[in-house]
Structure formats: C-alpha cells, structure tokens
Amino acid sequence: MSDKPSSLMQEATSRLPDKTLKPLTRIRKIVLTCLGIMTLLAAGWLIKIAMTPATVIGFTGYDLSLDFFQQMEIGVSEEAEALGYNYIRYDQAGDETKLVTSFKRLVEEQVAAIIVSPISPEVLPPLVDSAHQKGIPVIINDIGGGDSDYDAIVISDNWQGGKLAAEYTAHFLKGQEGSREVAIITVEPSAVYAARRGDAYRKTIEAEGFKVVAEISAYSKQEDGYSAMKLILKEHPSLVAIFAENDPMAVGAANAVAEAGRKDIMIVGFNGDKIARDAIAAGLMQASVAQDPAEMGRITAILADRLIKGEAIIFDDIEKREIYVPVEMVTLQNINS
C-alpha cells in the first residue's frame, strides 16, 4: 500500500478545521492589533509633543483691526513658525479686559514665551510676574511696559521719528511768511514710548522758530483725532501745521481740516499706515513717519527664541532693556517705494 494519502483523503483532510493553525492566526491578529494600537498611540504622543507648551509662542495684540498691528502680528507669526514654533494669538480689540484675560490664558497654557502689545501697559506688572513664576519670558512689542519686569521691549526709534517730522515740517514751510503756530495731537498718556515722538517734535520745531500752541490727546483713535482737530481750529485759527503721534489721529485731523476748507495747514502723522498713505496720495496729508511693524514683530519672535534657549540679548538701552527699530519719512515723492 502506498504511504501517500489518497486524493479523497487529502480532500477530506483539507475540509477539516486546522486546529494547529487557528491559534497561530489568532496570535497574529492580536499582535497586529497591538501594533496598530501602539502606532496610533505613538502618533498621538507625537502630536502631543508637537503641541506641548514648550514649543508654542503666544501673542496678544493691541487691536488687530488696525493695519499697524495686523502687520506686527504677521511679523510675529511668520518668524515664530520659521523658527519651528507653534503659534497662538489673541486680539485685545482695544479692550483692557481682553488684554488681562488673554495674557492669563497664555500663562495658564504655559507657553514657551509671551509677546504682548498692550492696550493698557499699567496693568502689566502682576501679569508679567505671574508669567515669570512659570518660567515664561515676556517681550513687549511697542506701546509700553507699564513699569513691569519685562525681559525686553521692542520699539521704533520714536525720538528720531519726531525729530524727522519736525525737520520735514520746517523744510516744507520754509520761506512761508505769517503765522508760526503748530499743534501736536498726542496718543494716550500710558503710551510713554510714543510720547517721545511729540517731545522730539516739540524740541526740534521750536528750535526752528515755531511755537507749539496746543497739545491734545486723541487716544490713538481716528474719530478722536477729528474732534481734537476741530477744537484746535476753533481756538487757534492761525495754525499752519499739525503733528499727530499716530496715523489714525492724523487722518481724523486731516478730515476735519478738509471739512473746514483749510488748505493752508500741513499734517504729518506717524506709522506709515495705509490710511495715511492714501491720505497723502489724495493731498489731505503731507507726510507720515513710517514704522516697520512687521519687522518689529519679527524681532520679538527672535528675542523670544533666544530667551527660551537662554541666549544673550544685545540691547540699544541695556538699563531699560530697549531695542530700537529705525523709521523713515513717507511723502508723496516716495509713497510707492
């Protein structure tokens, strides 16, 4: 008899359940399932690592409806992401309460660094202290630090900007006879760095033989700039020039001057915002001192990275921990450059 099973036997055997292979199949399925679960867990863990606070830079902005702060936010976000960080932003929308709540939220989330452009610098001291207690560095972008213990502040060279504005005013009015009266529309008193613009303008323009006859705060708002200008025109009809410490106020003032039918008053703003460039192109303003908010944002992100890594920072004013960004005049001649 042949040792080989018959074809019938082979067929019958093939129909029987393979009790030897089944356990192996089950084990294989279990192993594959476990591997799949481990892969998913690993992926989730990697996502968690990618979003841990140590890799996040947070920004809370003064008012992101304004062109200046929109550009600043773009600079912060693009540089933070280029440096390999995740990024969170909050908009204070010109509201002190939103400044406080957004800053506290960033501290609670234990981000790696906080960049803030504060609507109300005076509320910063306890907020900055709470961040430092968590080991979170704080960089101020513009406006002011409110006597807080910030790690660094990035501001435009405001004194140089005010000086440039005054020199341009004096040059523009050179040879013009008659009144030498000028006025300054200032930002809110808490914006101590922006106040340097008016201080430099006043010192420089008076050295050129002009007299500052009025200084009124319009709290950085276009509508308040309009109201302030109407009041100044009423009290000082012989005015020949206005310097506004930011562009929204300058545009508001320009609208009031145009409404009054006065074409003999020159207006210089500060920021280089689109609204000011449009007003210059339309002949409503003569100039603006242009800041570079995107560059300011970029620099604050670089500073955040260095502070996170414990690297040294070079300050323009080491005592006040200030870093200055250059400014330039924007006129009809270079408005499109």
C-alpha atoms as a PDB file:
ATOM      1  CA  MET A   1       0.000   0.000   0.000  1.00  0.00           C
ATOM      2  CA  SER A   2       1.223   3.424  -0.861  1.00  0.00           C
ATOM      3  CA  ASP A   3       2.262   5.717   2.010  1.00  0.00           C
ATOM      4  CA  LYS A   4       0.723   8.683   0.185  1.00  0.00           C
ATOM      5  CA  PRO A   5      -2.836   9.512   1.185  1.00  0.00           C
ATOM      6  CA  SER A   6      -5.433   9.149  -1.467  1.00  0.00           C
ATOM      7  CA  SER A   7      -6.857  12.144  -3.208  1.00  0.00           C
ATOM      8  CA  LEU A   8     -10.099  11.565  -1.325  1.00  0.00           C
ATOM      9  CA  MET A   9      -8.233  11.553   1.974  1.00  0.00           C
ATOM     10  CA  GLN A  10      -6.434  14.754   1.002  1.00  0.00           C
ATOM     11  CA  GLU A  11      -9.709  16.409   0.093  1.00  0.00           C
ATOM     12  CA  ALA A  12     -11.353  15.262   3.309  1.00  0.00           C
ATOM     13  CA  THR A  13      -8.398  16.470   5.357  1.00  0.00           C
ATOM     14  CA  SER A  14      -8.460  19.873   3.661  1.00  0.00           C
ATOM     15  CA  ARG A  15     -12.066  20.316   4.761  1.00  0.00           C
ATOM     16  CA  LEU A  16     -11.291  19.684   8.417  1.00  0.00           C
ATOM     17  CA  PRO A  17     -10.672  22.729  10.688  1.00  0.00           C
ATOM     18  CA  ASP A  18      -6.944  23.273  11.183  1.00  0.00           C
ATOM     19  CA  LYS A  19      -6.683  23.257  14.959  1.00  0.00           C
ATOM     20  CA  THR A  20      -2.929  23.751  14.756  1.00  0.00           C
ATOM     21  CA  LEU A  21      -3.047  26.884  12.556  1.00  0.00           C
ATOM     22  CA  LYS A  22      -6.016  28.622  14.233  1.00  0.00           C
ATOM     23  CA  PRO A  23      -4.203  29.586  17.421  1.00  0.00           C
ATOM     24  CA  LEU A  24      -1.317  30.961  15.338  1.00  0.00           C
ATOM     25  CA  THR A  25      -3.730  33.014  13.260  1.00  0.00           C
ATOM     26  CA  ARG A  26      -5.355  34.386  16.386  1.00  0.00           C
ATOM     27  CA  ILE A  27      -1.969  35.300  17.840  1.00  0.00           C
ATOM     28  CA  ARG A  28      -1.019  37.002  14.608  1.00  0.00           C
ATOM     29  CA  LYS A  29      -4.224  39.038  14.672  1.00  0.00           C
ATOM     30  CA  ILE A  30      -3.648  40.010  18.289  1.00  0.00           C
ATOM     31  CA  VAL A  31      -0.065  41.062  17.543  1.00  0.00           C
ATOM     32  CA  LEU A  32      -1.164  43.123  14.537  1.00  0.00           C
ATOM     33  CA  THR A  33      -3.924  44.732  16.578  1.00  0.00           C
ATOM     34  CA  CYS A  34      -1.492  45.620  19.344  1.00  0.00           C
ATOM     35  CA  LEU A  35       0.946  47.031  16.829  1.00  0.00           C
ATOM     36  CA  GLY A  36      -1.839  49.138  15.331  1.00  0.00           C
ATOM     37  CA  ILE A  37      -2.849  50.454  18.745  1.00  0.00           C
ATOM     38  CA  MET A  38       0.766  51.211  19.575  1.00  0.00           C
ATOM     39  CA  THR A  39       1.139  53.057  16.263  1.00  0.00           C
ATOM     40  CA  LEU A  40      -1.923  55.177  16.972  1.00  0.00           C
ATOM     41  CA  LEU A  41      -0.735  55.887  20.491  1.00  0.00           C
ATOM     42  CA  ALA A  42       2.681  56.815  19.173  1.00  0.00           C
ATOM     43  CA  ALA A  43       1.150  59.133  16.598  1.00  0.00           C
ATOM     44  CA  GLY A  44      -0.993  60.738  19.271  1.00  0.00           C
ATOM     45  CA  TRP A  45       2.041  61.109  21.508  1.00  0.00           C
ATOM     46  CA  LEU A  46       3.979  62.760  18.681  1.00  0.00           C
ATOM     47  CA  ILE A  47       1.099  65.164  18.099  1.00  0.00           C
ATOM     48  CA  LYS A  48       1.035  65.895  21.807  1.00  0.00           C
ATOM     49  CA  ILE A  49       4.782  66.530  21.788  1.00  0.00           C
ATOM     50  CA  ALA A  50       4.405  68.810  18.762  1.00  0.00           C
ATOM     51  CA  MET A  51       1.847  70.917  20.608  1.00  0.00           C
ATOM     52  CA  THR A  52       3.401  70.973  24.082  1.00  0.00           C
ATOM     53  CA  PRO A  53       3.640  74.472  25.578  1.00  0.00           C
ATOM     54  CA  ALA A  54       7.442  74.393  25.280  1.00  0.00           C
ATOM     55  CA  THR A  55       7.029  74.681  21.509  1.00  0.00           C
ATOM     56  CA  VAL A  56       4.414  77.463  21.488  1.00  0.00           C
ATOM     57  CA  ILE A  57       4.938  81.225  21.297  1.00  0.00           C
ATOM     58  CA  GLY A  58       1.886  83.271  22.287  1.00  0.00           C
ATOM     59  CA  PHE A  59       0.987  86.774  21.102  1.00  0.00           C
ATOM     60  CA  THR A  60      -1.700  89.116  22.391  1.00  0.00           C
ATOM     61  CA  GLY A  61      -2.184  92.222  20.247  1.00  0.00           C
ATOM     62  CA  TYR A  62      -3.425  95.749  20.973  1.00  0.00           C
ATOM     63  CA  ASP A  63      -6.128  95.828  18.258  1.00  0.00           C
ATOM     64  CA  LEU A  64      -5.839  93.603  15.201  1.00  0.00           C
ATOM     65  CA  SER A  65      -8.422  95.637  13.292  1.00  0.00           C
ATOM     66  CA  LEU A  66      -5.718  98.297  12.852  1.00  0.00           C
ATOM     67  CA  ASP A  67      -3.299  97.975   9.945  1.00  0.00           C
ATOM     68  CA  PHE A  68      -0.236  98.631  12.126  1.00  0.00           C
ATOM     69  CA  PHE A  69      -0.984  95.753  14.475  1.00  0.00           C
ATOM     70  CA  GLN A  70      -2.054  93.463  11.651  1.00  0.00           C
ATOM     71  CA  GLN A  71       1.408  93.878  10.137  1.00  0.00           C
ATOM     72  CA  MET A  72       3.028  93.369  13.530  1.00  0.00           C
ATOM     73  CA  GLU A  73       1.094  90.126  14.040  1.00  0.00           C
ATOM     74  CA  ILE A  74       2.158  88.872  10.606  1.00  0.00           C
ATOM     75  CA  GLY A  75       5.790  89.505  11.513  1.00  0.00           C
ATOM     76  CA  VAL A  76       5.451  87.625  14.806  1.00  0.00           C
ATOM     77  CA  SER A  77       3.613  84.631  13.342  1.00  0.00           C
ATOM     78  CA  GLU A  78       5.812  84.176  10.277  1.00  0.00           C
ATOM     79  CA  GLU A  79       9.078  84.376  12.225  1.00  0.00           C
ATOM     80  CA  ALA A  80       7.819  82.142  15.054  1.00  0.00           C
ATOM     81  CA  GLU A  81       6.802  79.473  12.563  1.00  0.00           C
ATOM     82  CA  ALA A  82      10.082  79.872  10.635  1.00  0.00           C
ATOM     83  CA  LEU A  83      11.917  79.202  13.902  1.00  0.00           C
ATOM     84  CA  GLY A  84       9.945  75.975  14.342  1.00  0.00           C
ATOM     85  CA  TYR A  85       7.400  77.070  16.935  1.00  0.00           C
ATOM     86  CA  ASN A  86       3.656  76.667  17.027  1.00  0.00           C
ATOM     87  CA  TYR A  87       1.807  79.937  17.463  1.00  0.00           C
ATOM     88  CA  ILE A  88      -1.235  81.239  19.341  1.00  0.00           C
ATOM     89  CA  ARG A  89      -2.635  84.750  19.012  1.00  0.00           C
ATOM     90  CA  TYR A  90      -5.245  86.777  20.847  1.00  0.00           C
ATOM     91  CA  ASP A  91      -6.807  90.096  19.875  1.00  0.00           C
ATOM     92  CA  GLN A  92      -7.363  92.615  22.675  1.00  0.00           C
ATOM     93  CA  ALA A  93      -9.541  94.670  20.296  1.00  0.00           C
ATOM     94  CA  GLY A  94      -8.642  97.794  22.266  1.00  0.00           C
ATOM     95  CA  ASP A  95     -10.147  96.318  25.441  1.00  0.00           C
ATOM     96  CA  GLU A  96      -8.178  96.221  28.705  1.00  0.00           C
ATOM     97  CA  THR A  97     -10.222  93.262  29.986  1.00  0.00           C
ATOM     98  CA  LYS A  98      -9.274  91.245  26.904  1.00  0.00           C
ATOM     99  CA  LEU A  99      -5.615  92.110  27.482  1.00  0.00           C
ATOM    100  CA  VAL A 100      -5.805  90.695  31.002  1.00  0.00           C
ATOM    101  CA  THR A 101      -7.791  87.572  30.112  1.00  0.00           C
ATOM    102  CA  SER A 102      -5.703  86.734  27.041  1.00  0.00           C
ATOM    103  CA  PHE A 103      -2.428  87.160  28.943  1.00  0.00           C
ATOM    104  CA  LYS A 104      -3.688  84.977  31.806  1.00  0.00           C
ATOM    105  CA  ARG A 105      -4.788  82.329  29.326  1.00  0.00           C
ATOM    106  CA  LEU A 106      -1.317  82.193  27.783  1.00  0.00           C
ATOM    107  CA  VAL A 107       0.194  81.803  31.256  1.00  0.00           C
ATOM    108  CA  GLU A 108      -2.271  79.030  32.120  1.00  0.00           C
ATOM    109  CA  GLU A 109      -1.376  77.250  28.885  1.00  0.00           C
ATOM    110  CA  GLN A 110       2.285  77.575  29.915  1.00  0.00           C
ATOM    111  CA  VAL A 111       3.504  78.666  26.507  1.00  0.00           C
ATOM    112  CA  ALA A 112       7.243  78.978  25.975  1.00  0.00           C
ATOM    113  CA  ALA A 113       7.179  82.786  25.644  1.00  0.00           C
ATOM    114  CA  ILE A 114       4.640  85.632  25.568  1.00  0.00           C
ATOM    115  CA  ILE A 115       4.786  88.621  23.229  1.00  0.00           C
ATOM    116  CA  VAL A 116       2.376  91.419  24.107  1.00  0.00           C
ATOM    117  CA  SER A 117       1.456  94.769  22.592  1.00  0.00           C
ATOM    118  CA  PRO A 118      -0.678  96.097  25.452  1.00  0.00           C
ATOM    119  CA  ILE A 119      -3.702  98.367  25.249  1.00  0.00           C
ATOM    120  CA  SER A 120      -3.107  99.263  28.923  1.00  0.00           C
ATOM    121  CA  PRO A 121       0.552  98.890  29.949  1.00  0.00           C
ATOM    122  CA  GLU A 122      -0.244  99.889  33.537  1.00  0.00           C
ATOM    123  CA  VAL A 123      -1.963  96.528  34.186  1.00  0.00           C
ATOM    124  CA  LEU A 124       1.100  94.515  33.121  1.00  0.00           C
ATOM    125  CA  PRO A 125       3.209  94.271  36.333  1.00  0.00           C
ATOM    126  CA  PRO A 126       1.265  91.438  38.065  1.00  0.00           C
ATOM    127  CA  LEU A 127       0.698  89.686  34.733  1.00  0.00           C
ATOM    128  CA  VAL A 128       4.391  89.667  33.879  1.00  0.00           C
ATOM    129  CA  ASP A 129       5.210  88.461  37.395  1.00  0.00           C
ATOM    130  CA  SER A 130       2.760  85.567  37.011  1.00  0.00           C
ATOM    131  CA  ALA A 131       4.455  84.571  33.742  1.00  0.00           C
ATOM    132  CA  HIS A 132       7.903  84.680  35.316  1.00  0.00           C
ATOM    133  CA  GLN A 133       6.698  82.475  38.165  1.00  0.00           C
ATOM    134  CA  LYS A 134       6.018  79.841  35.490  1.00  0.00           C
ATOM    135  CA  GLY A 135       9.397  80.460  33.852  1.00  0.00           C
ATOM    136  CA  ILE A 136       7.815  82.207  30.845  1.00  0.00           C
ATOM    137  CA  PRO A 137       9.747  85.175  29.375  1.00  0.00           C
ATOM    138  CA  VAL A 138       7.748  88.261  28.317  1.00  0.00           C
ATOM    139  CA  ILE A 139       8.624  90.547  25.403  1.00  0.00           C
ATOM    140  CA  ILE A 140       6.770  93.853  24.954  1.00  0.00           C
ATOM    141  CA  ASN A 141       6.108  95.000  21.398  1.00  0.00           C
ATOM    142  CA  ASP A 142       5.554  98.758  21.264  1.00  0.00           C
ATOM    143  CA  ILE A 143       3.247 100.923  23.464  1.00  0.00           C
ATOM    144  CA  GLY A 144       4.988 100.435  26.839  1.00  0.00           C
ATOM    145  CA  GLY A 145       5.765  98.068  29.674  1.00  0.00           C
ATOM    146  CA  GLY A 146       3.914  99.850  32.479  1.00  0.00           C
ATOM    147  CA  ASP A 147       6.868  99.543  34.893  1.00  0.00           C
ATOM    148  CA  SER A 148       6.635  95.758  34.653  1.00  0.00           C
ATOM    149  CA  ASP A 149       9.665  93.491  34.898  1.00  0.00           C
ATOM    150  CA  TYR A 150       9.575  92.510  31.207  1.00  0.00           C
ATOM    151  CA  ASP A 151      12.531  90.744  29.612  1.00  0.00           C
ATOM    152  CA  ALA A 152      12.783  93.033  26.572  1.00  0.00           C
ATOM    153  CA  ILE A 153      10.823  95.713  24.742  1.00  0.00           C
ATOM    154  CA  VAL A 154      10.958  96.418  21.014  1.00  0.00           C
ATOM    155  CA  ILE A 155      10.012  99.938  19.927  1.00  0.00           C
ATOM    156  CA  SER A 156      10.555 102.204  16.972  1.00  0.00           C
ATOM    157  CA  ASP A 157      13.173 104.916  17.310  1.00  0.00           C
ATOM    158  CA  ASN A 158      10.451 107.335  18.372  1.00  0.00           C
ATOM    159  CA  TRP A 159      12.712 110.245  19.235  1.00  0.00           C
ATOM    160  CA  GLN A 160      14.343 110.120  15.820  1.00  0.00           C
ATOM    161  CA  GLY A 161      10.885 109.902  14.225  1.00  0.00           C
ATOM    162  CA  GLY A 162       9.625 113.016  15.991  1.00  0.00           C
ATOM    163  CA  LYS A 163      12.787 114.862  15.012  1.00  0.00           C
ATOM    164  CA  LEU A 164      12.343 113.844  11.357  1.00  0.00           C
ATOM    165  CA  ALA A 165       8.727 115.041  11.409  1.00  0.00           C
ATOM    166  CA  ALA A 166       9.712 118.440  12.758  1.00  0.00           C
ATOM    167  CA  GLU A 167      12.565 118.848  10.302  1.00  0.00           C
ATOM    168  CA  TYR A 168      10.234 117.975   7.433  1.00  0.00           C
ATOM    169  CA  THR A 169       7.629 120.469   8.694  1.00  0.00           C
ATOM    170  CA  ALA A 170      10.204 123.251   8.937  1.00  0.00           C
ATOM    171  CA  HIS A 171      11.542 122.471   5.454  1.00  0.00           C
ATOM    172  CA  PHE A 172       8.035 122.316   3.967  1.00  0.00           C
ATOM    173  CA  LEU A 173       7.097 125.726   5.449  1.00  0.00           C
ATOM    174  CA  LYS A 174      10.456 127.351   4.756  1.00  0.00           C
ATOM    175  CA  GLY A 175      10.061 130.821   3.274  1.00  0.00           C
ATOM    176  CA  GLN A 176       6.380 131.000   4.170  1.00  0.00           C
ATOM    177  CA  GLU A 177       5.515 134.265   5.878  1.00  0.00           C
ATOM    178  CA  GLY A 178       2.915 134.764   8.582  1.00  0.00           C
ATOM    179  CA  SER A 179       1.953 132.512  11.471  1.00  0.00           C
ATOM    180  CA  ARG A 180       4.443 130.145  13.088  1.00  0.00           C
ATOM    181  CA  GLU A 181       1.855 128.292  15.162  1.00  0.00           C
ATOM    182  CA  VAL A 182       1.792 124.485  15.232  1.00  0.00           C
ATOM    183  CA  ALA A 183      -0.003 121.889  17.349  1.00  0.00           C
ATOM    184  CA  ILE A 184       0.514 118.292  18.449  1.00  0.00           C
ATOM    185  CA  ILE A 185      -2.169 115.619  18.759  1.00  0.00           C
ATOM    186  CA  THR A 186      -0.892 113.047  21.210  1.00  0.00           C
ATOM    187  CA  VAL A 187      -1.680 109.405  21.911  1.00  0.00           C
ATOM    188  CA  GLU A 188      -2.954 108.141  25.261  1.00  0.00           C
ATOM    189  CA  PRO A 189      -0.786 109.113  28.276  1.00  0.00           C
ATOM    190  CA  SER A 190       0.026 105.459  29.043  1.00  0.00           C
ATOM    191  CA  ALA A 191       1.845 105.118  25.694  1.00  0.00           C
ATOM    192  CA  VAL A 192       5.055 106.501  27.145  1.00  0.00           C
ATOM    193  CA  TYR A 193       7.278 105.492  24.237  1.00  0.00           C
ATOM    194  CA  ALA A 194       5.057 107.148  21.649  1.00  0.00           C
ATOM    195  CA  ALA A 195       5.209 110.298  23.773  1.00  0.00           C
ATOM    196  CA  ARG A 196       8.870 110.586  22.753  1.00  0.00           C
ATOM    197  CA  ARG A 197       7.633 111.458  19.262  1.00  0.00           C
ATOM    198  CA  GLY A 198       5.884 114.585  20.473  1.00  0.00           C
ATOM    199  CA  ASP A 199       8.748 115.505  22.794  1.00  0.00           C
ATOM    200  CA  ALA A 200      11.274 115.333  19.950  1.00  0.00           C
ATOM    201  CA  TYR A 201       8.950 117.199  17.581  1.00  0.00           C
ATOM    202  CA  ARG A 202       8.391 119.989  20.102  1.00  0.00           C
ATOM    203  CA  LYS A 203      12.077 120.440  20.862  1.00  0.00           C
ATOM    204  CA  THR A 204      13.088 120.384  17.191  1.00  0.00           C
ATOM    205  CA  ILE A 205      10.275 122.565  15.797  1.00  0.00           C
ATOM    206  CA  GLU A 206      10.744 125.205  18.489  1.00  0.00           C
ATOM    207  CA  ALA A 207      14.454 125.307  17.657  1.00  0.00           C
ATOM    208  CA  GLU A 208      13.334 126.135  14.096  1.00  0.00           C
ATOM    209  CA  GLY A 209      11.407 129.198  15.333  1.00  0.00           C
ATOM    210  CA  PHE A 210       7.881 127.763  15.555  1.00  0.00           C
ATOM    211  CA  LYS A 211       5.566 127.798  18.582  1.00  0.00           C
ATOM    212  CA  VAL A 212       3.552 124.810  19.831  1.00  0.00           C
ATOM    213  CA  VAL A 213       0.234 126.429  20.791  1.00  0.00           C
ATOM    214  CA  ALA A 214      -1.791 123.284  21.609  1.00  0.00           C
ATOM    215  CA  GLU A 215      -1.323 119.663  22.626  1.00  0.00           C
ATOM    216  CA  ILE A 216      -4.418 117.486  22.864  1.00  0.00           C
ATOM    217  CA  SER A 217      -4.664 113.715  23.372  1.00  0.00           C
ATOM    218  CA  ALA A 218      -6.884 111.815  20.942  1.00  0.00           C
ATOM    219  CA  TYR A 219      -6.124 108.388  22.442  1.00  0.00           C
ATOM    220  CA  SER A 220      -4.846 106.940  19.150  1.00  0.00           C
ATOM    221  CA  LYS A 221      -8.332 106.993  17.563  1.00  0.00           C
ATOM    222  CA  GLN A 222      -9.330 108.497  14.234  1.00  0.00           C
ATOM    223  CA  GLU A 223     -12.665 109.855  15.471  1.00  0.00           C
ATOM    224  CA  ASP A 224     -10.954 111.497  18.451  1.00  0.00           C
ATOM    225  CA  GLY A 225      -8.327 112.974  16.132  1.00  0.00           C
ATOM    226  CA  TYR A 226     -11.158 114.539  14.155  1.00  0.00           C
ATOM    227  CA  SER A 227     -12.727 116.025  17.299  1.00  0.00           C
ATOM    228  CA  ALA A 228      -9.396 117.265  18.625  1.00  0.00           C
ATOM    229  CA  MET A 229      -8.626 118.985  15.322  1.00  0.00           C
ATOM    230  CA  LYS A 230     -11.975 120.769  15.260  1.00  0.00           C
ATOM    231  CA  LEU A 231     -11.289 122.114  18.748  1.00  0.00           C
ATOM    232  CA  ILE A 232      -7.771 123.225  17.823  1.00  0.00           C
ATOM    233  CA  LEU A 233      -9.036 125.001  14.693  1.00  0.00           C
ATOM    234  CA  LYS A 234     -11.604 126.873  16.758  1.00  0.00           C
ATOM    235  CA  GLU A 235      -9.087 128.009  19.370  1.00  0.00           C
ATOM    236  CA  HIS A 236      -6.115 128.583  17.040  1.00  0.00           C
ATOM    237  CA  PRO A 237      -7.309 129.659  13.585  1.00  0.00           C
ATOM    238  CA  SER A 238      -3.806 130.832  12.613  1.00  0.00           C
ATOM    239  CA  LEU A 239      -2.392 127.300  12.814  1.00  0.00           C
ATOM    240  CA  VAL A 240      -0.042 126.264   9.988  1.00  0.00           C
ATOM    241  CA  ALA A 241       0.909 122.689  10.904  1.00  0.00           C
ATOM    242  CA  ILE A 242      -0.211 119.643  12.870  1.00  0.00           C
ATOM    243  CA  PHE A 243       1.846 116.692  14.050  1.00  0.00           C
ATOM    244  CA  ALA A 244      -0.148 113.652  15.153  1.00  0.00           C
ATOM    245  CA  GLU A 245       1.639 110.929  17.089  1.00  0.00           C
ATOM    246  CA  ASN A 246      -0.076 108.219  15.053  1.00  0.00           C
ATOM    247  CA  ASP A 247      -1.746 107.926  11.670  1.00  0.00           C
ATOM    248  CA  PRO A 248      -5.376 107.236  12.651  1.00  0.00           C
ATOM    249  CA  MET A 249      -5.406 110.525  14.563  1.00  0.00           C
ATOM    250  CA  ALA A 250      -3.632 112.279  11.673  1.00  0.00           C
ATOM    251  CA  VAL A 251      -6.263 111.087   9.190  1.00  0.00           C
ATOM    252  CA  GLY A 252      -9.054 112.195  11.543  1.00  0.00           C
ATOM    253  CA  ALA A 253      -7.377 115.599  11.798  1.00  0.00           C
ATOM    254  CA  ALA A 254      -6.982 115.762   8.014  1.00  0.00           C
ATOM    255  CA  ASN A 255     -10.698 115.120   7.555  1.00  0.00           C
ATOM    256  CA  ALA A 256     -11.528 117.955   9.948  1.00  0.00           C
ATOM    257  CA  VAL A 257      -9.157 120.310   8.128  1.00  0.00           C
ATOM    258  CA  ALA A 258     -10.648 119.379   4.745  1.00  0.00           C
ATOM    259  CA  GLU A 259     -14.166 119.815   6.112  1.00  0.00           C
ATOM    260  CA  ALA A 260     -13.206 123.315   7.285  1.00  0.00           C
ATOM    261  CA  GLY A 261     -11.969 124.130   3.792  1.00  0.00           C
ATOM    262  CA  ARG A 262      -8.466 124.855   5.056  1.00  0.00           C
ATOM    263  CA  LYS A 263      -5.741 124.107   2.524  1.00  0.00           C
ATOM    264  CA  ASP A 264      -3.063 126.073   4.354  1.00  0.00           C
ATOM    265  CA  ILE A 265      -2.421 123.557   7.167  1.00  0.00           C
ATOM    266  CA  MET A 266       0.128 120.798   6.662  1.00  0.00           C
ATOM    267  CA  ILE A 267      -0.295 117.497   8.514  1.00  0.00           C
ATOM    268  CA  VAL A 268       2.320 114.913   9.436  1.00  0.00           C
ATOM    269  CA  GLY A 269       1.413 111.591  11.030  1.00  0.00           C
ATOM    270  CA  PHE A 270       3.328 108.639  12.429  1.00  0.00           C
ATOM    271  CA  ASN A 271       3.183 104.928  11.481  1.00  0.00           C
ATOM    272  CA  GLY A 272       3.139 104.834   7.679  1.00  0.00           C
ATOM    273  CA  ASP A 273      -0.283 103.132   7.723  1.00  0.00           C
ATOM    274  CA  LYS A 274      -2.215 102.532   4.512  1.00  0.00           C
ATOM    275  CA  ILE A 275      -4.861 105.077   5.515  1.00  0.00           C
ATOM    276  CA  ALA A 276      -2.149 107.717   5.833  1.00  0.00           C
ATOM    277  CA  ARG A 277      -0.551 106.784   2.515  1.00  0.00           C
ATOM    278  CA  ASP A 278      -3.965 107.084   0.874  1.00  0.00           C
ATOM    279  CA  ALA A 279      -4.464 110.489   2.510  1.00  0.00           C
ATOM    280  CA  ILE A 280      -1.032 111.650   1.314  1.00  0.00           C
ATOM    281  CA  ALA A 281      -1.845 110.478  -2.217  1.00  0.00           C
ATOM    282  CA  ALA A 282      -5.128 112.408  -2.041  1.00  0.00           C
ATOM    283  CA  GLY A 283      -3.392 115.574  -0.846  1.00  0.00           C
ATOM    284  CA  LEU A 284      -5.053 115.507   2.596  1.00  0.00           C
ATOM    285  CA  MET A 285      -1.765 114.896   4.422  1.00  0.00           C
ATOM    286  CA  GLN A 286       1.809 115.778   3.558  1.00  0.00           C
ATOM    287  CA  ALA A 287       3.815 113.044   5.298  1.00  0.00           C
ATOM    288  CA  SER A 288       3.999 110.228   7.824  1.00  0.00           C
ATOM    289  CA  VAL A 289       6.919 108.825   9.769  1.00  0.00           C
ATOM    290  CA  ALA A 290       6.882 105.165   8.774  1.00  0.00           C
ATOM    291  CA  GLN A 291       7.468 102.458  11.328  1.00  0.00           C
ATOM    292  CA  ASP A 292       8.071  98.842  10.324  1.00  0.00           C
ATOM    293  CA  PRO A 293       5.600  96.845  12.439  1.00  0.00           C
ATOM    294  CA  ALA A 294       6.278  93.595  10.577  1.00  0.00           C
ATOM    295  CA  GLU A 295       9.985  93.913  11.382  1.00  0.00           C
ATOM    296  CA  MET A 296       9.116  94.753  14.986  1.00  0.00           C
ATOM    297  CA  GLY A 297       7.063  91.559  15.140  1.00  0.00           C
ATOM    298  CA  ARG A 298       9.847  89.526  13.577  1.00  0.00           C
ATOM    299  CA  ILE A 299      12.391  90.834  16.070  1.00  0.00           C
ATOM    300  CA  THR A 300      10.180  89.995  19.056  1.00  0.00           C
ATOM    301  CA  ALA A 301       9.843  86.399  17.831  1.00  0.00           C
ATOM    302  CA  ILE A 302      13.644  86.139  17.505  1.00  0.00           C
ATOM    303  CA  LEU A 303      14.043  87.540  21.013  1.00  0.00           C
ATOM    304  CA  ALA A 304      11.516  85.019  22.328  1.00  0.00           C
ATOM    305  CA  ASP A 305      13.531  82.204  20.751  1.00  0.00           C
ATOM    306  CA  ARG A 306      16.757  83.461  22.327  1.00  0.00           C
ATOM    307  CA  LEU A 307      15.178  83.843  25.751  1.00  0.00           C
ATOM    308  CA  ILE A 308      13.680  80.348  25.545  1.00  0.00           C
ATOM    309  CA  LYS A 309      17.148  78.993  24.746  1.00  0.00           C
ATOM    310  CA  GLY A 310      18.842  81.082  27.434  1.00  0.00           C
ATOM    311  CA  GLU A 311      20.888  83.057  24.918  1.00  0.00           C
ATOM    312  CA  ALA A 312      22.156  86.619  25.435  1.00  0.00           C
ATOM    313  CA  ILE A 313      20.370  89.675  24.007  1.00  0.00           C
ATOM    314  CA  ILE A 314      22.032  92.863  22.824  1.00  0.00           C
ATOM    315  CA  PHE A 315      20.043  95.978  23.817  1.00  0.00           C
ATOM    316  CA  ASP A 316      20.184  99.530  22.466  1.00  0.00           C
ATOM    317  CA  ASP A 317      19.479 100.667  26.032  1.00  0.00           C
ATOM    318  CA  ILE A 318      20.567  97.910  28.393  1.00  0.00           C
ATOM    319  CA  GLU A 319      19.239  99.636  31.530  1.00  0.00           C
ATOM    320  CA  LYS A 320      15.712  99.853  30.117  1.00  0.00           C
ATOM    321  CA  ARG A 321      16.084  96.641  28.067  1.00  0.00           C
ATOM    322  CA  GLU A 322      15.033  98.532  24.910  1.00  0.00           C
ATOM    323  CA  ILE A 323      15.657  97.578  21.291  1.00  0.00           C
ATOM    324  CA  TYR A 324      15.039 100.216  18.606  1.00  0.00           C
ATOM    325  CA  VAL A 325      13.776  99.737  15.057  1.00  0.00           C
ATOM    326  CA  PRO A 326      14.619 102.500  12.502  1.00  0.00           C
ATOM    327  CA  VAL A 327      11.948 104.789  10.988  1.00  0.00           C
ATOM    328  CA  GLU A 328      11.758 106.817   7.773  1.00  0.00           C
ATOM    329  CA  MET A 329       9.715 109.646   6.245  1.00  0.00           C
ATOM    330  CA  VAL A 330       6.967 108.796   3.768  1.00  0.00           C
ATOM    331  CA  THR A 331       5.954 111.643   1.452  1.00  0.00           C
ATOM    332  CA  LEU A 332       4.260 111.980  -1.921  1.00  0.00           C
ATOM    333  CA  GLN A 333       7.680 111.524  -3.536  1.00  0.00           C
ATOM    334  CA  ASN A 334       8.357 108.056  -2.079  1.00  0.00           C
ATOM    335  CA  ILE A 335       4.879 106.840  -1.197  1.00  0.00           C
ATOM    336  CA  ASN A 336       5.031 103.858  -3.560  1.00  0.00           C
ATOM    337  CA  SER A 337       8.607 102.798  -2.813  1.00  0.00           C
END
